[in-house]
Amino acid sequence: MVLPGNPGRAFLLSPLDWNAVAAATALHAHPDRNFRYWLLTPAIFLLLLVGLFPLFYSLVVSFMRIDMMDTDTSFAGLYNYANLFSDMRLWAALGHTLLITAIALPIELLLGLAMAYLFLDRMPGRQIFISLLVLPTIISPIVAGATWRLLFDNRFGPINQVLGWFAGHPVTALWTLNPKLVYPAIIFCEIWQWTPFMFLILLAALSNVDKSQTEAASIDGAGFFRTFRRIVLPAIWPVMAIAILIRGLDLVRIFDIIWALTAGGPGTMTETISVYTYSQGFKQFETSYTAAIAFLVIVILTVVVTWAIRRMGLAK
């Protein structure tokens, strides 16, 4: 018998050896194709357990009446969900969230795009400047909010002092208490921290645009805006759409900056849906009602994200 891999060498094998060689050959020729799935099963099961169990448990809790005074675990039907529609504070918080998103997201997109165009060409110290611009994104939002609260301080904050130098008299603007100034303060802080995120993504997208097409359009006499609309925008749109979607979802669940900057105040004027949910769950201990709010937000975001993905042409 000449074994595979040993040409020219013959061995006399017993029947048991013949069976072993046949089994090994069959195993080598027909490996278990499902073996890789068996290897992934424990990890997938753990991820599903960690991710889906809290979700289903919250769904079950939302049909109960558990709060600080009562732990009634019996089925309460749609009691908590019916209360959502009469909770004006909830819908006001949702409106505050949409207001911040509608203002901050376009500004971050436009500033990020302008900065990406600025750094698209080679310049001295380009990498150093990009590294400095990205620094705000690596700061924790809660730390950023607390820092800006100090900067906006009426007595010791440098912002009022700098404004006073330009105005020629002391400025006592109450940025976190004045209803007319609190939203500009929040939005400015949000733009400061997350515009570099849009800048990095759009810079990478613009770097991959075919320069021969833009140069040909320039030779043909096309202006900047026409070139951008006809050539650049279609090329970077898939990346831009993903960036818009990511930042939009982040703004909808904004919590850290507002909690550190205003804690939802003055009153409930800057209370977003995340801040309101936190207050209901960890201050009022309305556990079941908080779970119902969470699922309402999940449903709204699912509908909005599905519509946005189809509208942006990301789902093909």
Protein backbone atom coordinates (compact mmCIF):
# COMPACT_ATOMS: atom_id res chain seq x y z
CA MET A 1 0.00 0.00 0.00
CA VAL A 2 1.38 3.41 -0.95
CA LEU A 3 0.18 6.06 1.54
CA PRO A 4 -0.69 9.61 0.39
CA GLY A 5 2.24 11.95 0.78
CA ASN A 6 4.77 9.08 0.71
CA PRO A 7 5.21 8.14 -2.94
CA GLY A 8 7.48 5.21 -3.50
CA ARG A 9 7.16 3.78 0.03
CA ALA A 10 4.89 0.80 0.63
CA PHE A 11 3.57 -0.44 3.95
CA LEU A 12 1.71 -3.56 4.87
CA LEU A 13 -1.33 -2.57 6.91
CA SER A 14 -3.62 -4.65 9.07
CA PRO A 15 -7.44 -4.43 8.66
CA LEU A 16 -7.66 -2.11 11.69
CA ASP A 17 -5.06 0.17 10.15
CA TRP A 18 -7.02 0.15 6.90
CA ASN A 19 -10.13 1.34 8.76
CA ALA A 20 -8.21 4.12 10.48
CA VAL A 21 -6.71 5.30 7.20
CA ALA A 22 -10.15 5.25 5.54
CA ALA A 23 -11.72 7.25 8.39
CA ALA A 24 -8.94 9.84 8.34
CA THR A 25 -9.19 10.15 4.55
CA ALA A 26 -12.97 10.62 4.73
CA LEU A 27 -12.63 13.22 7.48
CA HIS A 28 -10.06 15.10 5.44
CA ALA A 29 -12.14 14.92 2.28
CA HIS A 30 -15.46 15.83 3.93
CA PRO A 31 -14.85 18.15 6.92
CA ASP A 32 -17.74 19.10 9.16
CA ARG A 33 -19.07 22.24 7.48
CA ASN A 34 -21.15 23.13 10.54
CA PHE A 35 -18.18 23.03 12.89
CA ARG A 36 -17.57 26.79 12.62
CA TYR A 37 -21.17 27.44 13.61
CA TRP A 38 -20.77 25.28 16.70
CA LEU A 39 -17.74 27.38 17.64
CA LEU A 40 -19.77 30.60 17.30
CA THR A 41 -22.81 29.30 19.18
CA PRO A 42 -21.61 30.13 22.73
CA ALA A 43 -20.68 33.69 21.79
CA ILE A 44 -23.97 34.28 19.95
CA PHE A 45 -25.94 32.82 22.86
CA LEU A 46 -24.12 35.11 25.31
CA LEU A 47 -24.76 38.19 23.17
CA LEU A 48 -28.45 37.33 22.84
CA LEU A 49 -28.69 36.70 26.58
CA VAL A 50 -27.03 40.01 27.46
CA GLY A 51 -28.83 42.03 24.79
CA LEU A 52 -32.30 40.53 24.48
CA PHE A 53 -33.05 39.45 28.05
CA PRO A 54 -33.17 43.03 29.45
CA LEU A 55 -35.30 44.05 26.48
CA PHE A 56 -37.87 41.32 26.99
CA TYR A 57 -37.81 41.78 30.76
CA SER A 58 -38.51 45.50 30.34
CA LEU A 59 -41.37 44.66 28.00
CA VAL A 60 -42.88 42.38 30.64
CA VAL A 61 -42.41 45.02 33.36
CA SER A 62 -44.15 47.63 31.19
CA PHE A 63 -47.39 45.62 31.52
CA MET A 64 -47.19 45.70 35.34
CA ARG A 65 -47.70 48.46 37.91
CA ILE A 66 -44.39 48.62 39.75
CA ASP A 67 -43.45 51.90 41.39
CA MET A 68 -41.90 53.20 44.60
CA MET A 69 -45.04 52.51 46.65
CA ASP A 70 -46.28 49.30 45.05
CA THR A 71 -44.75 46.15 43.54
CA ASP A 72 -47.84 44.80 41.86
CA THR A 73 -46.54 42.26 39.34
CA SER A 74 -49.96 41.24 38.08
CA PHE A 75 -50.92 41.93 34.48
CA ALA A 76 -52.10 45.56 34.20
CA GLY A 77 -52.84 45.56 30.49
CA LEU A 78 -52.15 48.78 28.59
CA TYR A 79 -52.48 50.97 31.67
CA ASN A 80 -48.96 52.46 31.40
CA TYR A 81 -49.17 52.89 27.65
CA ALA A 82 -52.51 54.67 27.94
CA ASN A 83 -50.92 57.13 30.39
CA LEU A 84 -48.28 58.02 27.82
CA PHE A 85 -50.75 59.84 25.62
CA SER A 86 -51.96 62.09 28.44
CA ASP A 87 -48.47 62.87 29.76
CA MET A 88 -47.80 66.38 28.45
CA ARG A 89 -44.38 66.48 30.08
CA LEU A 90 -43.36 63.44 28.04
CA TRP A 91 -44.39 65.00 24.73
CA ALA A 92 -42.75 68.28 25.70
CA ALA A 93 -39.50 66.38 26.37
CA LEU A 94 -39.81 64.73 22.98
CA GLY A 95 -40.30 68.17 21.41
CA HIS A 96 -37.19 69.51 23.16
CA THR A 97 -35.22 66.54 21.81
CA LEU A 98 -36.41 67.14 18.26
CA LEU A 99 -35.63 70.86 18.55
CA ILE A 100 -32.02 70.23 19.58
CA THR A 101 -31.63 67.60 16.86
CA ALA A 102 -33.12 69.80 14.15
CA ILE A 103 -30.74 72.67 14.95
CA ALA A 104 -27.51 70.89 15.91
CA LEU A 105 -27.44 68.20 13.22
CA PRO A 106 -27.47 70.50 10.13
CA ILE A 107 -24.92 72.85 11.70
CA GLU A 108 -22.58 69.95 12.53
CA LEU A 109 -22.97 68.61 9.00
CA LEU A 110 -22.24 71.93 7.29
CA LEU A 111 -19.33 72.82 9.59
CA GLY A 112 -17.87 69.33 9.27
CA LEU A 113 -18.13 69.52 5.47
CA ALA A 114 -16.50 72.97 5.38
CA MET A 115 -13.66 71.79 7.63
CA ALA A 116 -13.19 68.67 5.49
CA TYR A 117 -12.83 70.82 2.37
CA LEU A 118 -10.37 73.06 4.21
CA PHE A 119 -8.10 70.14 5.13
CA LEU A 120 -8.58 68.22 1.89
CA ASP A 121 -5.45 69.69 0.31
CA ARG A 122 -2.00 69.12 1.69
CA MET A 123 -0.75 71.83 4.03
CA PRO A 124 2.05 72.20 6.57
CA GLY A 125 1.13 70.68 9.93
CA ARG A 126 -2.05 69.11 8.53
CA GLN A 127 -1.88 66.00 10.71
CA ILE A 128 -1.21 68.03 13.85
CA PHE A 129 -4.19 70.30 13.24
CA ILE A 130 -6.46 67.32 12.54
CA SER A 131 -5.33 65.65 15.77
CA LEU A 132 -6.10 68.82 17.74
CA LEU A 133 -9.52 69.18 16.14
CA VAL A 134 -10.46 65.62 17.06
CA LEU A 135 -9.68 66.10 20.76
CA PRO A 136 -13.23 67.15 21.78
CA THR A 137 -14.69 63.86 20.55
CA ILE A 138 -12.54 61.79 22.90
CA ILE A 139 -13.74 63.70 25.97
CA SER A 140 -16.59 62.13 27.91
CA PRO A 141 -19.84 64.06 27.30
CA ILE A 142 -20.49 64.36 31.03
CA VAL A 143 -17.02 65.90 31.48
CA ALA A 144 -17.59 68.22 28.52
CA GLY A 145 -20.91 69.37 29.96
CA ALA A 146 -19.40 70.00 33.39
CA THR A 147 -16.51 71.91 31.81
CA TRP A 148 -18.82 74.13 29.79
CA ARG A 149 -20.91 74.75 32.89
CA LEU A 150 -17.81 76.20 34.52
CA LEU A 151 -17.03 78.24 31.41
CA PHE A 152 -20.59 79.63 31.41
CA ASP A 153 -20.48 80.49 35.11
CA ASN A 154 -21.80 83.97 35.77
CA ARG A 155 -19.16 85.07 38.28
CA PHE A 156 -16.00 83.14 37.42
CA GLY A 157 -16.60 81.86 33.88
CA PRO A 158 -14.27 83.28 31.20
CA ILE A 159 -17.02 83.50 28.56
CA ASN A 160 -18.83 86.38 30.25
CA GLN A 161 -15.50 88.07 30.93
CA VAL A 162 -14.48 87.87 27.25
CA LEU A 163 -17.89 89.18 26.18
CA GLY A 164 -17.48 92.01 28.68
CA TRP A 165 -14.18 93.01 27.08
CA PHE A 166 -15.87 93.38 23.69
CA ALA A 167 -18.97 95.05 25.14
CA GLY A 168 -16.98 97.53 27.23
CA HIS A 169 -18.94 96.73 30.40
CA PRO A 170 -19.45 93.67 32.64
CA VAL A 171 -21.71 90.99 31.14
CA THR A 172 -23.82 88.94 33.54
CA ALA A 173 -25.46 86.47 31.17
CA LEU A 174 -27.02 83.50 33.00
CA TRP A 175 -26.39 80.92 30.29
CA THR A 176 -27.81 77.91 32.13
CA LEU A 177 -30.73 79.73 33.78
CA ASN A 178 -31.98 82.26 31.25
CA PRO A 179 -34.65 80.65 29.01
CA LYS A 180 -33.38 82.69 26.06
CA LEU A 181 -29.77 81.56 26.47
CA VAL A 182 -29.98 77.99 27.69
CA TYR A 183 -30.65 76.39 24.30
CA PRO A 184 -27.83 78.29 22.55
CA ALA A 185 -25.50 77.12 25.32
CA ILE A 186 -26.53 73.47 24.93
CA ILE A 187 -26.36 73.53 21.16
CA PHE A 188 -22.99 75.30 21.15
CA CYS A 189 -21.56 72.70 23.52
CA GLU A 190 -22.97 69.86 21.41
CA ILE A 191 -21.61 71.34 18.18
CA TRP A 192 -18.20 71.94 19.75
CA GLN A 193 -17.85 68.31 20.77
CA TRP A 194 -19.31 66.44 17.80
CA THR A 195 -18.54 68.53 14.72
CA PRO A 196 -15.05 66.91 14.55
CA PHE A 197 -16.78 63.53 14.23
CA MET A 198 -18.58 64.70 11.09
CA PHE A 199 -15.36 66.33 9.90
CA LEU A 200 -13.37 63.09 10.07
CA ILE A 201 -15.98 61.01 8.26
CA LEU A 202 -16.54 63.58 5.53
CA LEU A 203 -12.80 64.13 5.11
CA ALA A 204 -12.35 60.41 4.48
CA ALA A 205 -15.24 60.45 2.00
CA LEU A 206 -13.94 63.49 0.12
CA SER A 207 -10.45 61.99 -0.08
CA ASN A 208 -11.85 59.09 -2.11
CA VAL A 209 -13.64 61.24 -4.70
CA ASP A 210 -12.24 60.77 -8.19
CA LYS A 211 -10.24 63.94 -8.79
CA SER A 212 -10.18 63.41 -12.54
CA GLN A 213 -13.94 64.00 -12.69
CA THR A 214 -13.79 67.23 -10.66
CA GLU A 215 -10.85 68.46 -12.74
CA ALA A 216 -12.74 67.66 -15.95
CA ALA A 217 -15.79 69.54 -14.66
CA SER A 218 -13.59 72.52 -13.79
CA ILE A 219 -12.08 72.52 -17.28
CA ASP A 220 -15.58 72.45 -18.76
CA GLY A 221 -16.43 75.59 -16.79
CA ALA A 222 -18.55 74.10 -14.00
CA GLY A 223 -18.55 76.13 -10.80
CA PHE A 224 -17.91 74.87 -7.30
CA PHE A 225 -21.54 74.37 -6.32
CA ARG A 226 -22.47 72.65 -9.58
CA THR A 227 -19.48 70.34 -9.31
CA PHE A 228 -20.36 69.56 -5.73
CA ARG A 229 -24.01 68.85 -6.56
CA ARG A 230 -23.37 66.79 -9.68
CA ILE A 231 -20.16 64.93 -8.87
CA VAL A 232 -19.00 65.22 -5.26
CA LEU A 233 -22.33 64.82 -3.45
CA PRO A 234 -23.38 61.60 -5.25
CA ALA A 235 -19.92 60.16 -4.53
CA ILE A 236 -19.91 60.92 -0.80
CA TRP A 237 -23.66 60.55 -0.18
CA PRO A 238 -23.58 56.94 1.18
CA VAL A 239 -20.94 57.91 3.77
CA MET A 240 -22.66 61.22 4.53
CA ALA A 241 -26.01 59.47 5.01
CA ILE A 242 -24.47 57.06 7.54
CA ALA A 243 -22.87 59.97 9.40
CA ILE A 244 -26.20 61.83 9.51
CA LEU A 245 -27.96 58.72 10.77
CA ILE A 246 -25.41 58.07 13.51
CA ARG A 247 -25.38 61.66 14.74
CA GLY A 248 -29.16 61.89 14.54
CA LEU A 249 -29.55 58.86 16.78
CA ASP A 250 -26.97 60.26 19.19
CA LEU A 251 -28.83 63.56 19.40
CA VAL A 252 -32.16 61.84 20.01
CA ARG A 253 -30.72 60.07 23.04
CA ILE A 254 -28.73 63.09 24.26
CA PHE A 255 -28.39 63.00 28.04
CA ASP A 256 -24.88 63.57 29.41
CA ILE A 257 -24.27 67.14 28.25
CA ILE A 258 -27.71 68.36 29.26
CA TRP A 259 -27.58 66.63 32.63
CA ALA A 260 -24.20 68.17 33.45
CA LEU A 261 -25.05 71.58 31.98
CA THR A 262 -28.66 72.25 33.02
CA ALA A 263 -30.09 69.00 34.50
CA GLY A 264 -33.14 69.68 32.34
CA GLY A 265 -33.68 73.18 33.68
CA PRO A 266 -34.70 75.87 34.08
CA GLY A 267 -37.69 73.92 35.29
CA THR A 268 -38.27 71.33 32.57
CA MET A 269 -37.45 73.63 29.66
CA THR A 270 -34.46 71.61 28.39
CA GLU A 271 -35.65 68.20 29.54
CA THR A 272 -35.09 65.73 26.71
CA ILE A 273 -36.66 62.30 26.41
CA SER A 274 -33.59 60.65 27.96
CA VAL A 275 -33.51 63.07 30.89
CA TYR A 276 -37.25 62.61 31.48
CA THR A 277 -36.93 58.83 31.37
CA TYR A 278 -34.07 58.97 33.86
CA SER A 279 -36.10 61.20 36.18
CA GLN A 280 -39.09 58.87 36.07
CA GLY A 281 -37.02 55.75 36.60
CA PHE A 282 -34.39 56.82 39.11
CA LYS A 283 -36.01 59.76 40.90
CA GLN A 284 -39.71 58.92 40.92
CA PHE A 285 -39.08 55.15 40.74
CA GLU A 286 -41.94 54.65 38.29
CA THR A 287 -40.42 51.41 37.04
CA SER A 288 -43.25 50.10 34.87
CA TYR A 289 -44.06 53.51 33.43
CA THR A 290 -40.37 54.06 32.61
CA ALA A 291 -40.31 50.75 30.74
CA ALA A 292 -43.35 51.87 28.74
CA ILE A 293 -41.58 55.14 27.86
CA ALA A 294 -38.53 53.19 26.74
CA PHE A 295 -40.58 51.03 24.39
CA LEU A 296 -42.38 54.07 23.02
CA VAL A 297 -38.98 55.57 22.14
CA ILE A 298 -37.87 52.25 20.60
CA VAL A 299 -40.95 52.15 18.37
CA ILE A 300 -40.54 55.78 17.29
CA LEU A 301 -36.84 55.34 16.51
CA THR A 302 -37.49 52.11 14.61
CA VAL A 303 -40.04 53.82 12.39
CA VAL A 304 -37.86 56.90 11.85
CA VAL A 305 -34.69 54.91 11.13
CA THR A 306 -36.51 52.59 8.71
CA TRP A 307 -37.95 55.57 6.87
CA ALA A 308 -34.59 57.35 6.82
CA ILE A 309 -32.74 54.31 5.47
CA ARG A 310 -35.23 53.93 2.64
CA ARG A 311 -35.32 57.66 1.97
CA MET A 312 -31.53 57.91 1.83
CA GLY A 313 -31.31 54.96 -0.52
CA LEU A 314 -29.21 52.87 1.87
CA ALA A 315 -31.50 49.83 1.65
CA LYS A 316 -31.25 48.22 -1.76
